[in-house]
């Protein structure tokens, strides 16, 4: 091949990449086992209180006032304008909780504070959300395996699902290790990571299949290297443009979607890595060959033209 000197030897480092992935996966699983996930109000149950300030008040001052009054693990964010404040409390609901919170906040504020609403999320709803969220992820992985097996080949399906599971476990592991709140927006981001990573893996798999049929004399690792090099530009451009949007969301989107943006940023970075070094690595580990991708000819097809 005339462009041989420009082919990047990705698979020359596949054992090192596999070792790195295994170490990070084991660390993530250990963190998930020991620390678990820091489930937010959507899953654990608690009380949500919305208040309206007559003039803007720094969120840090509000947080310190609430913490000093004994309300631990409260989440305070702006809701809409700078004067609309949303307070999430892990405490169970009672009729006086909203008014008590307003009284606490009013002590350190010169203006007026209005109580807008008080809502309760029960722990039973939280348990249902956990179960349904887990089932949604498992169902997504199962449907991906069926789709890739039908479109490509079973070895590609194993590689694709392994890459997706790799991305999800590492993303959850980082959230567990850093004790970042895991709520419904983060769960949505994790499901979006599955879609993003799958898209990358499908593009790479399609090029690998095409090159296995086109480049007959090259060994499998060289065909994979050529395919990854040819799709590298597209992969990097897609990832970088997506990261720019996610960084803007993280910086300017407000605290309500910080978890969502963080999960997607982690997922895009890990997904870009896995589409190169996990899915393709597993294909070589399973000894993929061009024979696996050749469409079997119908018996006697060579005589069809001459038959009456």
C-alpha atoms as a PDB file:
ATOM      1  CA  UNK A   1       0.000   0.000   0.000  1.00  0.00           C
ATOM      2  CA  UNK A   2       1.398   3.387  -1.018  1.00  0.00           C
ATOM      3  CA  UNK A   3       0.232   5.050   2.207  1.00  0.00           C
ATOM      4  CA  UNK A   4       1.677   2.334   4.466  1.00  0.00           C
ATOM      5  CA  UNK A   5       4.063   4.730   6.189  1.00  0.00           C
ATOM      6  CA  UNK A   6       1.138   6.867   7.304  1.00  0.00           C
ATOM      7  CA  UNK A   7      -0.765   4.061   9.011  1.00  0.00           C
ATOM      8  CA  UNK A   8      -0.812   4.414  12.822  1.00  0.00           C
ATOM      9  CA  UNK A   9       0.033   1.198  14.642  1.00  0.00           C
ATOM     10  CA  UNK A  10      -2.843   1.307  17.136  1.00  0.00           C
ATOM     11  CA  UNK A  11      -2.894  -2.448  17.686  1.00  0.00           C
ATOM     12  CA  UNK A  12       0.832  -2.487  18.463  1.00  0.00           C
ATOM     13  CA  UNK A  13      -0.166  -1.051  21.859  1.00  0.00           C
ATOM     14  CA  UNK A  14      -3.288  -3.151  22.322  1.00  0.00           C
ATOM     15  CA  UNK A  15      -1.906  -5.195  25.248  1.00  0.00           C
ATOM     16  CA  UNK A  16      -0.970  -2.021  27.119  1.00  0.00           C
ATOM     17  CA  UNK A  17      -4.421  -0.575  26.357  1.00  0.00           C
ATOM     18  CA  UNK A  18      -6.086  -3.786  27.553  1.00  0.00           C
ATOM     19  CA  UNK A  19      -4.118  -3.656  30.811  1.00  0.00           C
ATOM     20  CA  UNK A  20      -5.096  -0.007  31.315  1.00  0.00           C
ATOM     21  CA  UNK A  21      -8.772  -0.786  30.688  1.00  0.00           C
ATOM     22  CA  UNK A  22      -8.739  -3.733  33.083  1.00  0.00           C
ATOM     23  CA  UNK A  23      -7.111  -1.667  35.855  1.00  0.00           C
ATOM     24  CA  UNK A  24      -9.618   1.192  35.451  1.00  0.00           C
ATOM     25  CA  UNK A  25     -12.570  -1.228  35.265  1.00  0.00           C
ATOM     26  CA  UNK A  26     -11.484  -3.066  38.420  1.00  0.00           C
ATOM     27  CA  UNK A  27     -10.960   0.252  40.243  1.00  0.00           C
ATOM     28  CA  UNK A  28     -14.432   1.399  39.130  1.00  0.00           C
ATOM     29  CA  UNK A  29     -16.069  -1.837  40.292  1.00  0.00           C
ATOM     30  CA  UNK A  30     -14.274  -1.648  43.650  1.00  0.00           C
ATOM     31  CA  UNK A  31     -15.444   1.948  44.146  1.00  0.00           C
ATOM     32  CA  UNK A  32     -19.013   1.021  43.187  1.00  0.00           C
ATOM     33  CA  UNK A  33     -18.912  -1.920  45.620  1.00  0.00           C
ATOM     34  CA  UNK A  34     -17.453   0.040  48.550  1.00  0.00           C
ATOM     35  CA  UNK A  35     -18.861   3.544  48.018  1.00  0.00           C
ATOM     36  CA  UNK A  36     -21.861   2.862  45.821  1.00  0.00           C
ATOM     37  CA  UNK A  37     -23.487   5.753  44.005  1.00  0.00           C
ATOM     38  CA  UNK A  38     -24.423   8.989  45.735  1.00  0.00           C
ATOM     39  CA  UNK A  39     -28.087   8.817  44.714  1.00  0.00           C
ATOM     40  CA  UNK A  40     -29.887  12.130  44.514  1.00  0.00           C
ATOM     41  CA  UNK A  41     -33.329  13.077  45.712  1.00  0.00           C
ATOM     42  CA  UNK A  42     -34.962  11.429  42.670  1.00  0.00           C
ATOM     43  CA  UNK A  43     -33.872   8.017  43.961  1.00  0.00           C
ATOM     44  CA  UNK A  44     -33.580   8.340  47.735  1.00  0.00           C
ATOM     45  CA  UNK A  45     -36.686  10.368  48.498  1.00  0.00           C
ATOM     46  CA  UNK A  46     -36.828  13.690  50.311  1.00  0.00           C
ATOM     47  CA  UNK A  47     -38.356  17.143  50.126  1.00  0.00           C
ATOM     48  CA  UNK A  48     -38.051  19.856  47.500  1.00  0.00           C
ATOM     49  CA  UNK A  49     -38.709  23.468  48.545  1.00  0.00           C
ATOM     50  CA  UNK A  50     -38.923  26.398  46.122  1.00  0.00           C
ATOM     51  CA  UNK A  51     -38.607  29.926  47.545  1.00  0.00           C
ATOM     52  CA  UNK A  52     -38.592  33.370  45.951  1.00  0.00           C
ATOM     53  CA  UNK A  53     -36.252  36.151  47.104  1.00  0.00           C
ATOM     54  CA  UNK A  54     -37.144  39.815  46.685  1.00  0.00           C
ATOM     55  CA  UNK A  55     -33.572  40.478  45.531  1.00  0.00           C
ATOM     56  CA  UNK A  56     -30.633  38.245  44.500  1.00  0.00           C
ATOM     57  CA  UNK A  57     -28.733  36.488  47.290  1.00  0.00           C
ATOM     58  CA  UNK A  58     -25.428  34.568  46.803  1.00  0.00           C
ATOM     59  CA  UNK A  59     -25.975  30.793  46.750  1.00  0.00           C
ATOM     60  CA  UNK A  60     -22.994  30.239  49.054  1.00  0.00           C
ATOM     61  CA  UNK A  61     -24.641  32.415  51.741  1.00  0.00           C
ATOM     62  CA  UNK A  62     -27.884  30.461  51.413  1.00  0.00           C
ATOM     63  CA  UNK A  63     -26.047  27.125  51.651  1.00  0.00           C
ATOM     64  CA  UNK A  64     -24.112  28.184  54.740  1.00  0.00           C
ATOM     65  CA  UNK A  65     -27.304  29.455  56.426  1.00  0.00           C
ATOM     66  CA  UNK A  66     -29.108  26.161  55.765  1.00  0.00           C
ATOM     67  CA  UNK A  67     -26.117  24.057  56.900  1.00  0.00           C
ATOM     68  CA  UNK A  68     -25.677  26.044  60.105  1.00  0.00           C
ATOM     69  CA  UNK A  69     -29.345  25.422  60.938  1.00  0.00           C
ATOM     70  CA  UNK A  70     -28.753  21.657  60.892  1.00  0.00           C
ATOM     71  CA  UNK A  71     -30.124  20.778  57.443  1.00  0.00           C
ATOM     72  CA  UNK A  72     -27.353  18.471  56.225  1.00  0.00           C
ATOM     73  CA  UNK A  73     -26.691  17.473  52.592  1.00  0.00           C
ATOM     74  CA  UNK A  74     -29.028  20.141  51.245  1.00  0.00           C
ATOM     75  CA  UNK A  75     -28.699  20.991  47.547  1.00  0.00           C
ATOM     76  CA  UNK A  76     -29.292  24.665  46.721  1.00  0.00           C
ATOM     77  CA  UNK A  77     -29.574  25.843  43.103  1.00  0.00           C
ATOM     78  CA  UNK A  78     -31.072  28.723  41.176  1.00  0.00           C
ATOM     79  CA  UNK A  79     -34.300  27.841  39.437  1.00  0.00           C
ATOM     80  CA  UNK A  80     -34.945  30.124  36.488  1.00  0.00           C
ATOM     81  CA  UNK A  81     -34.028  33.636  37.620  1.00  0.00           C
ATOM     82  CA  UNK A  82     -31.468  34.687  40.248  1.00  0.00           C
ATOM     83  CA  UNK A  83     -34.219  35.240  42.822  1.00  0.00           C
ATOM     84  CA  UNK A  84     -35.862  31.814  42.418  1.00  0.00           C
ATOM     85  CA  UNK A  85     -34.122  29.251  44.635  1.00  0.00           C
ATOM     86  CA  UNK A  86     -34.669  25.509  44.756  1.00  0.00           C
ATOM     87  CA  UNK A  87     -33.653  23.643  47.922  1.00  0.00           C
ATOM     88  CA  UNK A  88     -33.489  19.849  47.956  1.00  0.00           C
ATOM     89  CA  UNK A  89     -33.511  18.257  51.398  1.00  0.00           C
ATOM     90  CA  UNK A  90     -33.031  14.567  52.241  1.00  0.00           C
ATOM     91  CA  UNK A  91     -35.442  14.973  55.180  1.00  0.00           C
ATOM     92  CA  UNK A  92     -38.896  13.446  54.948  1.00  0.00           C
ATOM     93  CA  UNK A  93     -41.918  15.621  54.299  1.00  0.00           C
ATOM     94  CA  UNK A  94     -43.873  17.383  57.042  1.00  0.00           C
ATOM     95  CA  UNK A  95     -46.394  20.201  56.919  1.00  0.00           C
ATOM     96  CA  UNK A  96     -44.127  22.765  58.565  1.00  0.00           C
ATOM     97  CA  UNK A  97     -40.811  22.038  56.819  1.00  0.00           C
ATOM     98  CA  UNK A  98     -41.284  24.725  54.141  1.00  0.00           C
ATOM     99  CA  UNK A  99     -42.210  27.454  56.604  1.00  0.00           C
ATOM    100  CA  UNK A 100     -39.372  26.403  58.943  1.00  0.00           C
ATOM    101  CA  UNK A 101     -36.855  26.706  56.127  1.00  0.00           C
ATOM    102  CA  UNK A 102     -38.149  30.155  55.143  1.00  0.00           C
ATOM    103  CA  UNK A 103     -37.850  31.274  58.791  1.00  0.00           C
ATOM    104  CA  UNK A 104     -34.214  30.083  58.880  1.00  0.00           C
ATOM    105  CA  UNK A 105     -33.376  31.852  55.623  1.00  0.00           C
ATOM    106  CA  UNK A 106     -35.172  35.047  56.622  1.00  0.00           C
ATOM    107  CA  UNK A 107     -32.878  35.532  59.653  1.00  0.00           C
ATOM    108  CA  UNK A 108     -29.896  36.369  57.431  1.00  0.00           C
ATOM    109  CA  UNK A 109     -31.755  38.232  54.682  1.00  0.00           C
ATOM    110  CA  UNK A 110     -32.989  41.832  54.791  1.00  0.00           C
ATOM    111  CA  UNK A 111     -35.661  41.494  52.107  1.00  0.00           C
ATOM    112  CA  UNK A 112     -38.666  39.201  51.889  1.00  0.00           C
ATOM    113  CA  UNK A 113     -38.756  35.492  51.041  1.00  0.00           C
ATOM    114  CA  UNK A 114     -41.866  33.806  49.648  1.00  0.00           C
ATOM    115  CA  UNK A 115     -42.566  30.090  49.891  1.00  0.00           C
ATOM    116  CA  UNK A 116     -43.558  28.950  46.380  1.00  0.00           C
ATOM    117  CA  UNK A 117     -44.021  25.197  46.727  1.00  0.00           C
ATOM    118  CA  UNK A 118     -43.104  22.126  48.792  1.00  0.00           C
ATOM    119  CA  UNK A 119     -43.007  18.671  47.158  1.00  0.00           C
ATOM    120  CA  UNK A 120     -42.164  15.242  48.485  1.00  0.00           C
ATOM    121  CA  UNK A 121     -40.495  12.375  46.584  1.00  0.00           C
ATOM    122  CA  UNK A 122     -41.112   9.114  48.411  1.00  0.00           C
ATOM    123  CA  UNK A 123     -38.465   6.400  48.737  1.00  0.00           C
ATOM    124  CA  UNK A 124     -40.771   3.875  47.077  1.00  0.00           C
ATOM    125  CA  UNK A 125     -40.724   5.985  43.904  1.00  0.00           C
ATOM    126  CA  UNK A 126     -36.942   6.143  44.233  1.00  0.00           C
ATOM    127  CA  UNK A 127     -36.654   2.336  44.393  1.00  0.00           C
ATOM    128  CA  UNK A 128     -38.803   1.992  41.293  1.00  0.00           C
ATOM    129  CA  UNK A 129     -36.637   4.517  39.449  1.00  0.00           C
ATOM    130  CA  UNK A 130     -33.471   2.587  40.372  1.00  0.00           C
ATOM    131  CA  UNK A 131     -34.925  -0.684  39.129  1.00  0.00           C
ATOM    132  CA  UNK A 132     -36.338   0.763  35.922  1.00  0.00           C
ATOM    133  CA  UNK A 133     -33.152   2.725  35.222  1.00  0.00           C
ATOM    134  CA  UNK A 134     -31.026  -0.416  35.577  1.00  0.00           C
ATOM    135  CA  UNK A 135     -33.413  -2.386  33.352  1.00  0.00           C
ATOM    136  CA  UNK A 136     -33.278   0.402  30.747  1.00  0.00           C
ATOM    137  CA  UNK A 137     -29.474   0.146  30.566  1.00  0.00           C
ATOM    138  CA  UNK A 138     -29.518  -3.656  30.339  1.00  0.00           C
ATOM    139  CA  UNK A 139     -32.188  -3.549  27.651  1.00  0.00           C
ATOM    140  CA  UNK A 140     -30.173  -0.978  25.686  1.00  0.00           C
ATOM    141  CA  UNK A 141     -27.075  -3.210  25.788  1.00  0.00           C
ATOM    142  CA  UNK A 142     -29.104  -6.268  24.754  1.00  0.00           C
ATOM    143  CA  UNK A 143     -30.701  -4.488  21.796  1.00  0.00           C
ATOM    144  CA  UNK A 144     -27.287  -3.200  20.723  1.00  0.00           C
ATOM    145  CA  UNK A 145     -25.884  -6.743  20.697  1.00  0.00           C
ATOM    146  CA  UNK A 146     -28.771  -8.004  18.563  1.00  0.00           C
ATOM    147  CA  UNK A 147     -28.495  -5.058  16.146  1.00  0.00           C
ATOM    148  CA  UNK A 148     -24.723  -5.322  15.659  1.00  0.00           C
ATOM    149  CA  UNK A 149     -24.862  -9.124  15.304  1.00  0.00           C
ATOM    150  CA  UNK A 150     -27.493  -8.783  12.563  1.00  0.00           C
ATOM    151  CA  UNK A 151     -25.742  -5.935  10.748  1.00  0.00           C
ATOM    152  CA  UNK A 152     -22.167  -7.178  11.013  1.00  0.00           C
ATOM    153  CA  UNK A 153     -21.242 -10.436  12.720  1.00  0.00           C
ATOM    154  CA  UNK A 154     -21.411 -11.950  16.203  1.00  0.00           C
ATOM    155  CA  UNK A 155     -17.776 -11.101  17.036  1.00  0.00           C
ATOM    156  CA  UNK A 156     -18.509  -7.457  16.246  1.00  0.00           C
ATOM    157  CA  UNK A 157     -21.516  -7.625  18.592  1.00  0.00           C
ATOM    158  CA  UNK A 158     -19.337  -8.913  21.453  1.00  0.00           C
ATOM    159  CA  UNK A 159     -16.806  -6.126  20.802  1.00  0.00           C
ATOM    160  CA  UNK A 160     -19.473  -3.405  20.622  1.00  0.00           C
ATOM    161  CA  UNK A 161     -21.299  -4.460  23.792  1.00  0.00           C
ATOM    162  CA  UNK A 162     -17.998  -4.875  25.659  1.00  0.00           C
ATOM    163  CA  UNK A 163     -17.036  -1.325  24.664  1.00  0.00           C
ATOM    164  CA  UNK A 164     -20.407   0.036  25.808  1.00  0.00           C
ATOM    165  CA  UNK A 165     -20.258  -1.826  29.129  1.00  0.00           C
ATOM    166  CA  UNK A 166     -16.671  -0.543  29.548  1.00  0.00           C
ATOM    167  CA  UNK A 167     -17.846   3.060  29.041  1.00  0.00           C
ATOM    168  CA  UNK A 168     -20.836   2.788  31.395  1.00  0.00           C
ATOM    169  CA  UNK A 169     -18.908   1.092  34.231  1.00  0.00           C
ATOM    170  CA  UNK A 170     -16.062   3.616  34.090  1.00  0.00           C
ATOM    171  CA  UNK A 171     -18.497   6.557  34.002  1.00  0.00           C
ATOM    172  CA  UNK A 172     -20.390   5.192  37.021  1.00  0.00           C
ATOM    173  CA  UNK A 173     -17.095   4.389  38.749  1.00  0.00           C
ATOM    174  CA  UNK A 174     -15.880   7.981  38.440  1.00  0.00           C
ATOM    175  CA  UNK A 175     -19.192   9.253  39.838  1.00  0.00           C
ATOM    176  CA  UNK A 176     -18.839   6.805  42.737  1.00  0.00           C
ATOM    177  CA  UNK A 177     -15.202   7.703  43.434  1.00  0.00           C
ATOM    178  CA  UNK A 178     -15.837  11.470  43.367  1.00  0.00           C
ATOM    179  CA  UNK A 179     -19.165  11.192  45.263  1.00  0.00           C
ATOM    180  CA  UNK A 180     -21.010  13.208  42.595  1.00  0.00           C
ATOM    181  CA  UNK A 181     -24.801  13.183  42.931  1.00  0.00           C
ATOM    182  CA  UNK A 182     -26.451  10.590  40.681  1.00  0.00           C
ATOM    183  CA  UNK A 183     -29.959  11.680  39.690  1.00  0.00           C
ATOM    184  CA  UNK A 184     -32.287  11.201  36.734  1.00  0.00           C
ATOM    185  CA  UNK A 185     -30.425  13.714  34.556  1.00  0.00           C
ATOM    186  CA  UNK A 186     -27.207  11.729  35.070  1.00  0.00           C
ATOM    187  CA  UNK A 187     -29.032   8.486  34.251  1.00  0.00           C
ATOM    188  CA  UNK A 188     -30.229  10.122  31.017  1.00  0.00           C
ATOM    189  CA  UNK A 189     -26.629  11.141  30.275  1.00  0.00           C
ATOM    190  CA  UNK A 190     -25.415   7.550  30.837  1.00  0.00           C
ATOM    191  CA  UNK A 191     -28.000   6.278  28.351  1.00  0.00           C
ATOM    192  CA  UNK A 192     -26.869   9.005  25.926  1.00  0.00           C
ATOM    193  CA  UNK A 193     -23.273   7.797  26.387  1.00  0.00           C
ATOM    194  CA  UNK A 194     -24.393   4.355  25.195  1.00  0.00           C
ATOM    195  CA  UNK A 195     -25.831   5.919  22.031  1.00  0.00           C
ATOM    196  CA  UNK A 196     -22.766   8.094  21.414  1.00  0.00           C
ATOM    197  CA  UNK A 197     -20.287   5.273  21.952  1.00  0.00           C
ATOM    198  CA  UNK A 198     -22.336   2.925  19.774  1.00  0.00           C
ATOM    199  CA  UNK A 199     -22.299   5.428  16.917  1.00  0.00           C
ATOM    200  CA  UNK A 200     -18.489   5.614  17.045  1.00  0.00           C
ATOM    201  CA  UNK A 201     -18.156   1.837  17.274  1.00  0.00           C
ATOM    202  CA  UNK A 202     -20.500   1.285  14.312  1.00  0.00           C
ATOM    203  CA  UNK A 203     -18.462   3.659  12.119  1.00  0.00           C
ATOM    204  CA  UNK A 204     -15.210   1.876  13.007  1.00  0.00           C
ATOM    205  CA  UNK A 205     -16.782  -1.588  12.597  1.00  0.00           C
ATOM    206  CA  UNK A 206     -18.173  -0.660   9.189  1.00  0.00           C
ATOM    207  CA  UNK A 207     -14.727   0.413   7.977  1.00  0.00           C
ATOM    208  CA  UNK A 208     -13.086  -2.727   9.392  1.00  0.00           C
ATOM    209  CA  UNK A 209     -15.604  -4.931   7.595  1.00  0.00           C
ATOM    210  CA  UNK A 210     -15.125  -3.030   4.353  1.00  0.00           C
ATOM    211  CA  UNK A 211     -11.324  -3.280   4.531  1.00  0.00           C
ATOM    212  CA  UNK A 212     -11.367  -6.995   5.394  1.00  0.00           C
ATOM    213  CA  UNK A 213     -13.226  -7.579   2.145  1.00  0.00           C
ATOM    214  CA  UNK A 214     -11.061  -5.175   0.154  1.00  0.00           C
ATOM    215  CA  UNK A 215      -7.539  -5.835   1.516  1.00  0.00           C
ATOM    216  CA  UNK A 216      -7.221  -9.605   1.182  1.00  0.00           C
ATOM    217  CA  UNK A 217      -3.454 -10.099   1.688  1.00  0.00           C
ATOM    218  CA  UNK A 218      -2.907  -8.070   4.870  1.00  0.00           C
ATOM    219  CA  UNK A 219      -3.055  -9.721   8.330  1.00  0.00           C
ATOM    220  CA  UNK A 220      -6.002  -8.830  10.617  1.00  0.00           C
ATOM    221  CA  UNK A 221      -4.045  -6.452  12.880  1.00  0.00           C
ATOM    222  CA  UNK A 222      -2.867  -4.461   9.870  1.00  0.00           C
ATOM    223  CA  UNK A 223      -6.405  -4.258   8.452  1.00  0.00           C
ATOM    224  CA  UNK A 224      -7.651  -2.977  11.824  1.00  0.00           C
ATOM    225  CA  UNK A 225      -4.829  -0.401  11.975  1.00  0.00           C
ATOM    226  CA  UNK A 226      -5.689   0.846   8.485  1.00  0.00           C
ATOM    227  CA  UNK A 227      -9.394   1.084   9.373  1.00  0.00           C
ATOM    228  CA  UNK A 228      -8.742   2.963  12.619  1.00  0.00           C
ATOM    229  CA  UNK A 229      -6.364   5.371  10.881  1.00  0.00           C
ATOM    230  CA  UNK A 230      -8.930   6.086   8.165  1.00  0.00           C
ATOM    231  CA  UNK A 231     -11.675   6.857  10.706  1.00  0.00           C
ATOM    232  CA  UNK A 232      -9.449   8.697  13.203  1.00  0.00           C
ATOM    233  CA  UNK A 233     -10.060  12.151  11.730  1.00  0.00           C
ATOM    234  CA  UNK A 234     -13.823  11.731  11.827  1.00  0.00           C
ATOM    235  CA  UNK A 235     -13.688  10.331  15.377  1.00  0.00           C
ATOM    236  CA  UNK A 236     -11.571  13.191  16.731  1.00  0.00           C
ATOM    237  CA  UNK A 237     -13.567  15.951  15.017  1.00  0.00           C
ATOM    238  CA  UNK A 238     -16.856  14.521  16.300  1.00  0.00           C
ATOM    239  CA  UNK A 239     -15.502  14.124  19.830  1.00  0.00           C
ATOM    240  CA  UNK A 240     -13.923  17.584  20.013  1.00  0.00           C
ATOM    241  CA  UNK A 241     -16.999  19.407  18.716  1.00  0.00           C
ATOM    242  CA  UNK A 242     -19.202  17.469  21.153  1.00  0.00           C
ATOM    243  CA  UNK A 243     -16.846  18.285  24.031  1.00  0.00           C
ATOM    244  CA  UNK A 244     -16.970  21.991  23.201  1.00  0.00           C
ATOM    245  CA  UNK A 245     -20.754  21.971  23.549  1.00  0.00           C
ATOM    246  CA  UNK A 246     -20.596  19.957  26.780  1.00  0.00           C
ATOM    247  CA  UNK A 247     -17.982  22.256  28.300  1.00  0.00           C
ATOM    248  CA  UNK A 248     -20.215  25.234  27.507  1.00  0.00           C
ATOM    249  CA  UNK A 249     -23.124  23.446  29.231  1.00  0.00           C
ATOM    250  CA  UNK A 250     -20.959  22.651  32.244  1.00  0.00           C
ATOM    251  CA  UNK A 251     -19.658  26.211  32.625  1.00  0.00           C
ATOM    252  CA  UNK A 252     -22.764  28.220  31.760  1.00  0.00           C
ATOM    253  CA  UNK A 253     -25.642  25.758  32.175  1.00  0.00           C
ATOM    254  CA  UNK A 254     -26.069  26.104  35.912  1.00  0.00           C
ATOM    255  CA  UNK A 255     -25.781  23.603  38.741  1.00  0.00           C
ATOM    256  CA  UNK A 256     -28.934  21.694  37.802  1.00  0.00           C
ATOM    257  CA  UNK A 257     -27.238  20.135  34.761  1.00  0.00           C
ATOM    258  CA  UNK A 258     -23.670  19.901  36.080  1.00  0.00           C
ATOM    259  CA  UNK A 259     -24.049  16.151  36.666  1.00  0.00           C
ATOM    260  CA  UNK A 260     -25.523  15.670  33.193  1.00  0.00           C
ATOM    261  CA  UNK A 261     -22.629  17.557  31.561  1.00  0.00           C
ATOM    262  CA  UNK A 262     -19.972  15.765  33.637  1.00  0.00           C
ATOM    263  CA  UNK A 263     -21.376  12.321  32.764  1.00  0.00           C
ATOM    264  CA  UNK A 264     -21.410  13.133  29.051  1.00  0.00           C
ATOM    265  CA  UNK A 265     -17.896  14.631  29.113  1.00  0.00           C
ATOM    266  CA  UNK A 266     -16.573  11.466  30.772  1.00  0.00           C
ATOM    267  CA  UNK A 267     -18.590   9.311  28.384  1.00  0.00           C
ATOM    268  CA  UNK A 268     -17.358  11.084  25.238  1.00  0.00           C
ATOM    269  CA  UNK A 269     -13.695  10.817  26.303  1.00  0.00           C
ATOM    270  CA  UNK A 270     -13.969   7.173  27.374  1.00  0.00           C
ATOM    271  CA  UNK A 271     -16.181   6.318  24.376  1.00  0.00           C
ATOM    272  CA  UNK A 272     -13.632   7.727  21.924  1.00  0.00           C
ATOM    273  CA  UNK A 273     -10.929   5.612  23.576  1.00  0.00           C
ATOM    274  CA  UNK A 274     -13.081   2.453  23.635  1.00  0.00           C
ATOM    275  CA  UNK A 275     -14.080   2.688  19.970  1.00  0.00           C
ATOM    276  CA  UNK A 276     -10.368   2.486  19.129  1.00  0.00           C
ATOM    277  CA  UNK A 277      -8.878   0.260  21.797  1.00  0.00           C
ATOM    278  CA  UNK A 278     -11.693  -1.879  23.215  1.00  0.00           C
ATOM    279  CA  UNK A 279     -14.004  -2.956  20.387  1.00  0.00           C
ATOM    280  CA  UNK A 280     -11.167  -3.470  17.872  1.00  0.00           C
ATOM    281  CA  UNK A 281      -8.966  -5.107  20.515  1.00  0.00           C
ATOM    282  CA  UNK A 282     -11.651  -7.683  21.279  1.00  0.00           C
ATOM    283  CA  UNK A 283     -12.064  -8.430  17.569  1.00  0.00           C
ATOM    284  CA  UNK A 284      -8.382  -9.392  17.353  1.00  0.00           C
ATOM    285  CA  UNK A 285      -8.593 -11.327  20.629  1.00  0.00           C
ATOM    286  CA  UNK A 286     -11.444 -13.357  19.100  1.00  0.00           C
ATOM    287  CA  UNK A 287      -9.300 -13.999  15.994  1.00  0.00           C
ATOM    288  CA  UNK A 288     -11.462 -12.148  13.474  1.00  0.00           C
ATOM    289  CA  UNK A 289     -10.621 -13.116   9.877  1.00  0.00           C
ATOM    290  CA  UNK A 290     -11.871 -12.168   6.435  1.00  0.00           C
ATOM    291  CA  UNK A 291     -13.671 -15.526   6.246  1.00  0.00           C
ATOM    292  CA  UNK A 292     -15.950 -14.361   9.075  1.00  0.00           C
ATOM    293  CA  UNK A 293     -17.172 -11.493   6.889  1.00  0.00           C
ATOM    294  CA  UNK A 294     -17.503 -13.221   3.519  1.00  0.00           C
ATOM    295  CA  UNK A 295     -21.128 -13.769   2.548  1.00  0.00           C
ATOM    296  CA  UNK A 296     -21.537 -17.505   1.905  1.00  0.00           C
ATOM    297  CA  UNK A 297     -22.426 -18.304  -1.673  1.00  0.00           C
ATOM    298  CA  UNK A 298     -25.572 -20.232  -2.461  1.00  0.00           C
ATOM    299  CA  UNK A 299     -24.784 -23.845  -3.325  1.00  0.00           C
ATOM    300  CA  UNK A 300     -24.840 -24.288  -7.103  1.00  0.00           C
ATOM    301  CA  UNK A 301     -24.978 -20.528  -7.739  1.00  0.00           C
ATOM    302  CA  UNK A 302     -22.160 -20.795 -10.282  1.00  0.00           C
ATOM    303  CA  UNK A 303     -24.397 -22.924 -12.515  1.00  0.00           C
ATOM    304  CA  UNK A 304     -27.506 -20.748 -12.260  1.00  0.00           C
ATOM    305  CA  UNK A 305     -26.750 -18.791 -15.443  1.00  0.00           C
ATOM    306  CA  UNK A 306     -26.418 -21.919 -17.523  1.00  0.00           C
ATOM    307  CA  UNK A 307     -29.450 -23.735 -16.178  1.00  0.00           C
ATOM    308  CA  UNK A 308     -32.703 -23.608 -18.134  1.00  0.00           C
END
